N, C-alpha and C. Protein backbone atom coordinates (compact mmCIF):
# COMPACT_ATOMS: atom_id res chain seq x y z
N MET A 1 -20.28 59.32 17.87
CA MET A 1 -18.66 59.74 17.67
C MET A 1 -17.72 59.77 17.05
N LYS A 2 -16.59 60.54 17.53
CA LYS A 2 -15.81 59.94 15.83
C LYS A 2 -14.52 59.14 16.78
N ILE A 3 -14.13 57.48 15.77
CA ILE A 3 -13.50 56.64 15.68
C ILE A 3 -12.46 56.50 14.86
N LEU A 4 -11.37 56.26 15.66
CA LEU A 4 -10.26 56.48 15.06
C LEU A 4 -10.15 54.96 14.47
N LEU A 5 -10.29 54.47 13.84
CA LEU A 5 -10.04 52.43 13.32
C LEU A 5 -8.16 52.25 12.24
N SER A 6 -8.44 50.87 13.19
CA SER A 6 -6.63 51.05 12.66
C SER A 6 -6.58 49.28 12.49
N GLY A 7 -5.64 49.32 12.12
CA GLY A 7 -4.88 48.14 11.76
C GLY A 7 -3.34 47.93 12.85
N THR A 8 -3.20 46.81 12.77
CA THR A 8 -1.73 46.93 14.00
C THR A 8 -0.50 46.86 13.40
N ALA A 9 0.54 46.46 13.88
CA ALA A 9 1.33 47.21 12.74
C ALA A 9 2.31 46.13 12.02
N SER A 10 1.78 44.82 12.51
CA SER A 10 2.42 43.78 11.49
C SER A 10 1.35 43.32 10.62
N ASP A 11 0.09 43.82 10.64
CA ASP A 11 -1.35 43.33 9.61
C ASP A 11 -1.55 43.82 8.67
N SER A 12 -1.32 43.14 7.02
CA SER A 12 -1.23 43.93 6.30
C SER A 12 -2.45 43.35 5.89
N HIS A 13 -3.76 43.05 6.16
CA HIS A 13 -4.56 43.22 5.85
C HIS A 13 -5.68 44.07 5.87
N THR A 14 -6.88 44.14 4.58
CA THR A 14 -7.58 45.61 5.04
C THR A 14 -9.18 44.99 5.45
N TRP A 15 -9.42 44.02 4.27
CA TRP A 15 -10.36 43.56 4.51
C TRP A 15 -11.68 43.37 5.59
N ASN A 16 -11.32 42.98 6.76
CA ASN A 16 -11.80 43.69 7.57
C ASN A 16 -11.63 45.44 8.42
N LEU A 17 -10.35 46.63 7.88
CA LEU A 17 -11.14 47.58 8.36
C LEU A 17 -11.97 47.93 7.02
N VAL A 18 -12.26 47.62 6.40
CA VAL A 18 -13.20 48.15 5.07
C VAL A 18 -14.46 48.05 5.92
N TYR A 19 -14.64 46.15 6.33
CA TYR A 19 -15.43 45.94 6.41
C TYR A 19 -16.20 46.90 7.64
N LEU A 20 -15.53 47.09 9.01
CA LEU A 20 -15.75 47.53 10.96
C LEU A 20 -15.23 49.07 10.11
N GLY A 21 -14.76 50.00 8.61
CA GLY A 21 -15.41 51.10 8.44
C GLY A 21 -16.59 51.20 8.06
N LEU A 22 -17.42 49.71 7.42
CA LEU A 22 -18.53 50.00 7.45
C LEU A 22 -19.98 49.82 7.72
N PHE A 23 -19.32 48.85 9.01
CA PHE A 23 -20.01 49.27 10.35
C PHE A 23 -20.20 50.17 11.50
N LEU A 24 -19.30 50.53 11.45
CA LEU A 24 -18.90 51.78 12.38
C LEU A 24 -19.79 52.86 12.22
N GLY A 25 -19.97 53.05 10.34
CA GLY A 25 -20.68 54.35 9.74
C GLY A 25 -22.18 53.74 9.85
N GLU A 26 -22.32 52.73 9.83
CA GLU A 26 -23.99 52.64 9.79
C GLU A 26 -24.01 52.67 10.76
N LEU A 27 -23.82 52.58 11.65
CA LEU A 27 -24.13 53.10 13.25
C LEU A 27 -24.16 54.36 13.90
N GLY A 28 -23.49 54.95 13.22
CA GLY A 28 -23.96 56.20 12.77
C GLY A 28 -22.32 57.28 13.53
N HIS A 29 -21.78 56.65 13.35
CA HIS A 29 -19.95 57.50 13.62
C HIS A 29 -18.83 57.48 12.50
N GLU A 30 -18.46 58.84 12.70
CA GLU A 30 -17.86 59.36 11.97
C GLU A 30 -16.25 59.01 12.39
N VAL A 31 -16.06 57.72 10.64
CA VAL A 31 -15.06 56.63 11.03
C VAL A 31 -13.56 57.69 10.27
N ALA A 32 -12.69 57.39 10.83
CA ALA A 32 -11.15 58.17 10.29
C ALA A 32 -10.64 56.25 10.25
N GLY A 33 -9.84 56.20 8.93
CA GLY A 33 -9.13 54.45 8.73
C GLY A 33 -7.84 54.97 8.70
N LEU A 34 -6.76 54.59 9.58
CA LEU A 34 -5.53 54.57 9.20
C LEU A 34 -5.28 53.68 8.05
N GLY A 35 -5.86 53.04 8.03
CA GLY A 35 -5.47 51.41 7.48
C GLY A 35 -4.47 50.44 7.71
N PRO A 36 -3.56 49.36 7.36
CA PRO A 36 -3.14 48.50 8.04
C PRO A 36 -1.29 48.85 7.94
N CYS A 37 -0.90 48.28 9.11
CA CYS A 37 0.56 48.08 9.19
C CYS A 37 1.10 49.33 9.93
N VAL A 38 -0.04 49.87 11.35
CA VAL A 38 0.07 51.11 11.80
C VAL A 38 1.17 50.97 12.99
N SER A 39 2.25 52.05 12.53
CA SER A 39 3.10 51.47 14.10
C SER A 39 2.65 51.90 15.33
N PRO A 40 2.91 52.16 16.17
CA PRO A 40 2.50 52.80 17.48
C PRO A 40 2.44 54.18 17.38
N GLU A 41 3.96 54.60 16.99
CA GLU A 41 4.21 55.91 17.09
C GLU A 41 2.99 56.63 16.00
N LEU A 42 2.72 56.16 15.27
CA LEU A 42 1.90 56.66 13.85
C LEU A 42 0.46 56.64 14.42
N LEU A 43 -0.06 55.73 15.15
CA LEU A 43 -1.26 55.83 15.96
C LEU A 43 -1.38 56.94 16.26
N VAL A 44 -0.19 57.22 17.32
CA VAL A 44 -0.27 58.11 18.35
C VAL A 44 -0.39 59.64 17.70
N ALA A 45 0.34 59.76 16.80
CA ALA A 45 0.69 61.07 15.33
C ALA A 45 -0.90 60.94 15.00
N ALA A 46 -1.33 60.46 15.03
CA ALA A 46 -3.02 60.01 14.14
C ALA A 46 -3.95 61.02 15.38
N CYS A 47 -3.82 59.96 16.59
CA CYS A 47 -4.89 60.44 17.36
C CYS A 47 -4.58 62.23 17.92
N ARG A 48 -3.38 62.47 17.81
CA ARG A 48 -3.37 63.95 18.24
C ARG A 48 -3.83 64.50 16.67
N ARG A 49 -3.52 63.96 15.15
CA ARG A 49 -4.63 64.97 14.24
C ARG A 49 -5.58 64.63 14.38
N HIS A 50 -6.60 64.29 14.57
CA HIS A 50 -7.68 63.42 14.25
C HIS A 50 -8.70 63.70 16.14
N SER A 51 -8.20 63.88 16.85
CA SER A 51 -8.51 63.86 18.26
C SER A 51 -10.03 63.24 17.98
N PRO A 52 -9.73 61.79 18.41
CA PRO A 52 -11.16 60.87 18.17
C PRO A 52 -11.81 60.58 19.61
N ASP A 53 -12.96 60.31 19.62
CA ASP A 53 -13.56 59.73 20.92
C ASP A 53 -13.02 58.33 21.53
N LEU A 54 -12.86 57.76 20.70
CA LEU A 54 -12.40 56.22 20.31
C LEU A 54 -11.46 55.94 19.24
N VAL A 55 -10.82 55.20 19.96
CA VAL A 55 -9.65 54.09 18.47
C VAL A 55 -9.87 52.35 18.95
N VAL A 56 -10.46 52.48 17.66
CA VAL A 56 -10.53 50.57 17.73
C VAL A 56 -9.43 50.35 16.93
N LEU A 57 -9.39 49.25 17.48
CA LEU A 57 -7.65 48.57 16.47
C LEU A 57 -8.00 47.00 16.19
N SER A 58 -7.96 46.46 15.07
CA SER A 58 -8.94 45.41 14.70
C SER A 58 -6.86 44.18 13.93
N SER A 59 -7.25 43.21 14.08
CA SER A 59 -6.25 41.69 14.10
C SER A 59 -6.35 40.95 13.45
N VAL A 60 -5.79 40.57 11.87
CA VAL A 60 -6.59 39.46 11.63
C VAL A 60 -5.91 38.64 11.36
N ASN A 61 -4.17 38.76 11.52
CA ASN A 61 -2.94 37.71 11.26
C ASN A 61 -2.37 37.27 12.87
N GLY A 62 -3.26 37.49 13.37
CA GLY A 62 -2.77 36.33 14.50
C GLY A 62 -1.77 37.34 15.49
N HIS A 63 -1.16 38.34 15.49
CA HIS A 63 -0.63 39.03 16.80
C HIS A 63 -1.03 40.24 16.75
N GLY A 64 -1.91 40.13 16.56
CA GLY A 64 -2.74 40.97 17.66
C GLY A 64 -3.16 41.45 18.95
N TYR A 65 -2.31 40.36 19.73
CA TYR A 65 -1.97 41.05 21.27
C TYR A 65 -0.50 41.44 21.54
N ARG A 66 0.15 40.68 20.77
CA ARG A 66 1.89 41.66 20.68
C ARG A 66 1.27 42.78 19.95
N ASP A 67 1.28 43.38 19.33
CA ASP A 67 0.94 44.27 18.28
C ASP A 67 0.40 45.53 18.97
N GLY A 68 -0.97 45.15 19.76
CA GLY A 68 -2.03 45.79 20.59
C GLY A 68 -1.50 46.17 21.96
N LEU A 69 -0.53 45.09 22.32
CA LEU A 69 0.01 45.67 23.49
C LEU A 69 0.66 46.55 23.30
N ALA A 70 1.83 46.58 22.45
CA ALA A 70 2.54 47.93 21.89
C ALA A 70 2.15 49.12 21.73
N ALA A 71 0.54 49.01 20.96
CA ALA A 71 0.13 49.90 20.41
C ALA A 71 -0.52 50.95 22.26
N VAL A 72 -0.81 49.96 22.51
CA VAL A 72 -2.14 50.63 23.44
C VAL A 72 -1.54 51.30 25.33
N HIS A 73 0.36 50.42 24.56
CA HIS A 73 1.39 51.09 26.21
C HIS A 73 2.10 52.30 25.61
N ARG A 74 2.50 52.84 24.01
CA ARG A 74 2.47 54.03 23.83
C ARG A 74 1.40 54.79 23.98
N LEU A 75 0.16 54.08 23.55
CA LEU A 75 -0.79 55.46 23.55
C LEU A 75 -0.85 56.21 25.40
N ARG A 76 -0.63 54.85 26.01
CA ARG A 76 -1.16 55.22 27.48
C ARG A 76 -0.17 55.80 27.87
N ALA A 77 1.23 55.56 26.94
CA ALA A 77 2.82 57.34 27.66
C ALA A 77 2.77 58.38 27.53
N GLU A 78 1.34 58.62 26.48
CA GLU A 78 1.51 60.19 25.79
C GLU A 78 0.43 61.02 26.80
N SER A 79 0.63 62.02 27.02
CA SER A 79 -0.13 63.06 28.19
C SER A 79 -1.29 62.83 27.11
N ALA A 80 -1.12 63.26 25.73
CA ALA A 80 -2.60 63.64 24.55
C ALA A 80 -3.01 62.07 24.79
N THR A 81 -3.14 61.00 24.90
CA THR A 81 -3.36 59.77 24.34
C THR A 81 -3.72 58.89 25.71
N ALA A 82 -3.52 59.52 27.00
CA ALA A 82 -3.51 58.63 28.01
C ALA A 82 -4.91 57.57 28.85
N ALA A 83 -6.07 59.27 28.44
CA ALA A 83 -6.78 58.52 28.89
C ALA A 83 -8.41 58.64 27.69
N LEU A 84 -7.59 58.17 26.26
CA LEU A 84 -8.35 58.23 25.77
C LEU A 84 -8.69 56.91 24.95
N PRO A 85 -10.27 56.31 25.06
CA PRO A 85 -10.60 54.93 24.82
C PRO A 85 -9.56 54.05 23.83
N VAL A 86 -9.50 53.15 24.29
CA VAL A 86 -9.07 51.92 22.73
C VAL A 86 -9.96 50.74 23.38
N VAL A 87 -9.80 49.95 22.39
CA VAL A 87 -10.79 48.91 22.03
C VAL A 87 -10.18 48.11 21.09
N ILE A 88 -9.72 46.63 21.65
CA ILE A 88 -8.70 45.80 20.27
C ILE A 88 -10.03 44.25 19.81
N GLY A 89 -9.94 43.67 18.98
CA GLY A 89 -10.95 42.41 18.69
C GLY A 89 -9.86 41.76 16.95
N GLY A 90 -10.65 40.93 16.99
CA GLY A 90 -10.28 40.08 16.11
C GLY A 90 -8.72 38.69 16.52
N LYS A 91 -8.79 38.38 15.52
CA LYS A 91 -7.26 37.27 15.76
C LYS A 91 -6.61 37.91 16.29
N LEU A 92 -6.57 37.96 17.88
CA LEU A 92 -5.28 37.83 19.03
C LEU A 92 -4.11 37.22 19.04
N GLY A 93 -4.39 35.99 18.94
CA GLY A 93 -3.57 35.28 18.32
C GLY A 93 -3.26 33.99 17.44
N VAL A 94 -2.70 33.12 17.69
CA VAL A 94 -2.15 32.13 16.72
C VAL A 94 -2.61 30.90 17.38
N ALA A 95 -3.24 30.30 18.48
CA ALA A 95 -3.43 29.32 18.86
C ALA A 95 -5.04 28.68 18.32
N GLY A 96 -5.60 29.67 17.55
CA GLY A 96 -7.10 29.40 17.07
C GLY A 96 -7.79 29.24 18.39
N CYS A 97 -7.72 29.78 19.91
CA CYS A 97 -8.76 30.46 19.82
C CYS A 97 -8.46 31.41 21.41
N ARG A 98 -9.24 31.65 21.77
CA ARG A 98 -9.17 32.81 23.04
C ARG A 98 -8.59 33.18 23.80
N GLN A 99 -7.11 33.24 24.40
CA GLN A 99 -6.00 33.35 25.20
C GLN A 99 -6.75 34.36 26.11
N GLU A 100 -7.24 33.79 27.24
CA GLU A 100 -7.77 34.51 28.54
C GLU A 100 -6.99 35.68 29.22
N ALA A 101 -5.61 34.91 29.69
CA ALA A 101 -4.20 35.62 29.77
C ALA A 101 -3.78 36.70 29.06
N ASP A 102 -3.75 36.85 27.77
CA ASP A 102 -2.91 37.43 26.57
C ASP A 102 -4.49 38.93 26.64
N VAL A 103 -5.73 38.31 27.22
CA VAL A 103 -6.93 39.29 27.70
C VAL A 103 -6.64 39.62 28.49
N THR A 104 -6.81 39.48 29.47
CA THR A 104 -5.90 40.16 30.76
C THR A 104 -4.85 40.99 30.44
N ARG A 105 -3.69 40.94 30.29
CA ARG A 105 -2.92 41.67 29.71
C ARG A 105 -3.09 42.57 29.05
N LEU A 106 -4.06 42.61 27.92
CA LEU A 106 -4.20 44.02 27.34
C LEU A 106 -5.02 44.74 27.99
N LEU A 107 -6.27 44.12 29.33
CA LEU A 107 -6.45 45.04 29.77
C LEU A 107 -6.24 45.83 30.86
N ARG A 108 -5.64 44.95 31.39
CA ARG A 108 -4.15 45.79 32.50
C ARG A 108 -3.21 47.21 32.15
N ALA A 109 -2.99 46.36 30.99
CA ALA A 109 -1.88 47.33 30.00
C ALA A 109 -2.94 49.19 29.55
N GLY A 110 -3.99 48.45 29.24
CA GLY A 110 -4.90 49.94 29.42
C GLY A 110 -6.72 49.90 28.21
N CYS A 111 -6.42 48.50 27.94
CA CYS A 111 -7.08 48.29 26.96
C CYS A 111 -8.63 48.41 27.58
N ASP A 112 -9.62 49.10 27.02
CA ASP A 112 -11.27 49.63 28.17
C ASP A 112 -11.80 48.52 27.78
N ALA A 113 -11.74 47.64 26.19
CA ALA A 113 -12.37 46.22 25.85
C ALA A 113 -11.48 45.74 24.96
N VAL A 114 -11.76 44.29 24.63
CA VAL A 114 -10.85 43.22 24.19
C VAL A 114 -12.05 42.56 23.27
N PHE A 115 -12.28 42.26 22.26
CA PHE A 115 -13.23 41.94 21.68
C PHE A 115 -12.70 40.57 20.79
N GLY A 116 -13.32 39.31 21.01
CA GLY A 116 -13.59 37.90 20.16
C GLY A 116 -13.45 38.51 18.94
N ASP A 117 -13.13 37.58 17.89
CA ASP A 117 -12.64 37.28 16.11
C ASP A 117 -14.13 37.38 16.24
N GLY A 118 -14.80 38.69 15.48
CA GLY A 118 -16.11 38.63 14.73
C GLY A 118 -17.04 38.79 16.00
N ASP A 119 -16.91 39.11 17.14
CA ASP A 119 -17.85 39.32 17.85
C ASP A 119 -18.57 41.42 18.08
N LEU A 120 -18.75 41.12 16.92
CA LEU A 120 -19.56 42.61 16.43
C LEU A 120 -20.58 43.26 17.47
N ASP A 121 -21.10 42.17 18.01
CA ASP A 121 -22.53 42.57 19.23
C ASP A 121 -22.18 43.06 20.43
N ALA A 122 -20.73 42.06 21.05
CA ALA A 122 -20.31 42.83 21.80
C ALA A 122 -19.68 44.07 21.99
N LEU A 123 -18.91 45.18 20.27
CA LEU A 123 -18.56 45.73 19.95
C LEU A 123 -19.42 46.44 19.98
N ARG A 124 -21.11 46.68 19.44
CA ARG A 124 -22.00 47.68 19.58
C ARG A 124 -22.35 48.05 20.76
N GLY A 125 -22.19 47.05 21.56
CA GLY A 125 -22.95 47.43 22.59
C GLY A 125 -21.62 47.74 23.84
N PHE A 126 -20.58 47.94 23.68
CA PHE A 126 -19.71 48.74 24.15
C PHE A 126 -19.98 49.97 23.35
N LEU A 127 -20.13 50.68 21.80
CA LEU A 127 -20.38 51.28 21.56
C LEU A 127 -21.26 52.59 22.50
N ALA A 128 -22.27 51.28 22.20
CA ALA A 128 -23.91 52.10 22.98
C ALA A 128 -23.73 52.60 24.56
N ALA A 129 -23.00 51.78 25.26
CA ALA A 129 -22.43 51.87 26.41
C ALA A 129 -21.82 53.22 26.66
N HIS A 130 -20.85 53.53 25.91
CA HIS A 130 -19.41 54.01 25.96
C HIS A 130 -20.36 55.51 25.01
N ALA A 131 -21.36 55.65 24.36
CA ALA A 131 -22.10 56.53 23.81
C ALA A 131 -23.04 57.18 25.15
N ARG A 132 -23.50 56.00 25.47
CA ARG A 132 -24.58 56.76 27.52
C ARG A 132 -23.64 57.60 28.68
N GLU A 133 -22.35 57.09 28.56
CA GLU A 133 -21.80 57.70 29.26
C GLU A 133 -20.70 58.62 28.98
N GLN A 134 -20.91 59.15 27.75
CA GLN A 134 -20.62 61.05 26.85
C GLN A 134 -22.22 61.29 27.67
N VAL A 135 -22.68 61.40 27.70
CA VAL A 135 -24.41 62.73 27.18
C VAL A 135 -23.82 62.69 28.82
N PRO A 136 -23.81 64.26 28.57
CA PRO A 136 -24.19 65.14 29.68
C PRO A 136 -25.16 64.88 30.47
N THR A 137 -25.64 64.77 31.43
CA THR A 137 -26.31 64.76 32.52
C THR A 137 -26.99 66.52 32.84
């Protein structure tokens, strides 16, 4: 699977992206990494350029909810990316714990999955299920 891995607009952290890139690569996926501080417009342009099967957004700075919401709204507004699967994970808020209302809003906005901070097992499970869905019958 071709995965576009990206940080969010206000997040300048890179260690999470390096780790996730290695993790996804070890699972056999082709990973195109955009790096940190990716605006929604840049994300849409990169999707057009790379034609990924999935977008993975990662946040460490605690503003992942706000930035992720803007990114998924922008992706869903474009015909070329409207149906593209998008997941987000990491530290999505500054409260220090998962805010279910934020998760619900991200899912309603168009995220296909929202993962807790460091929940690689859930990401692995999503990728496996998504790969099974892509296999022609």
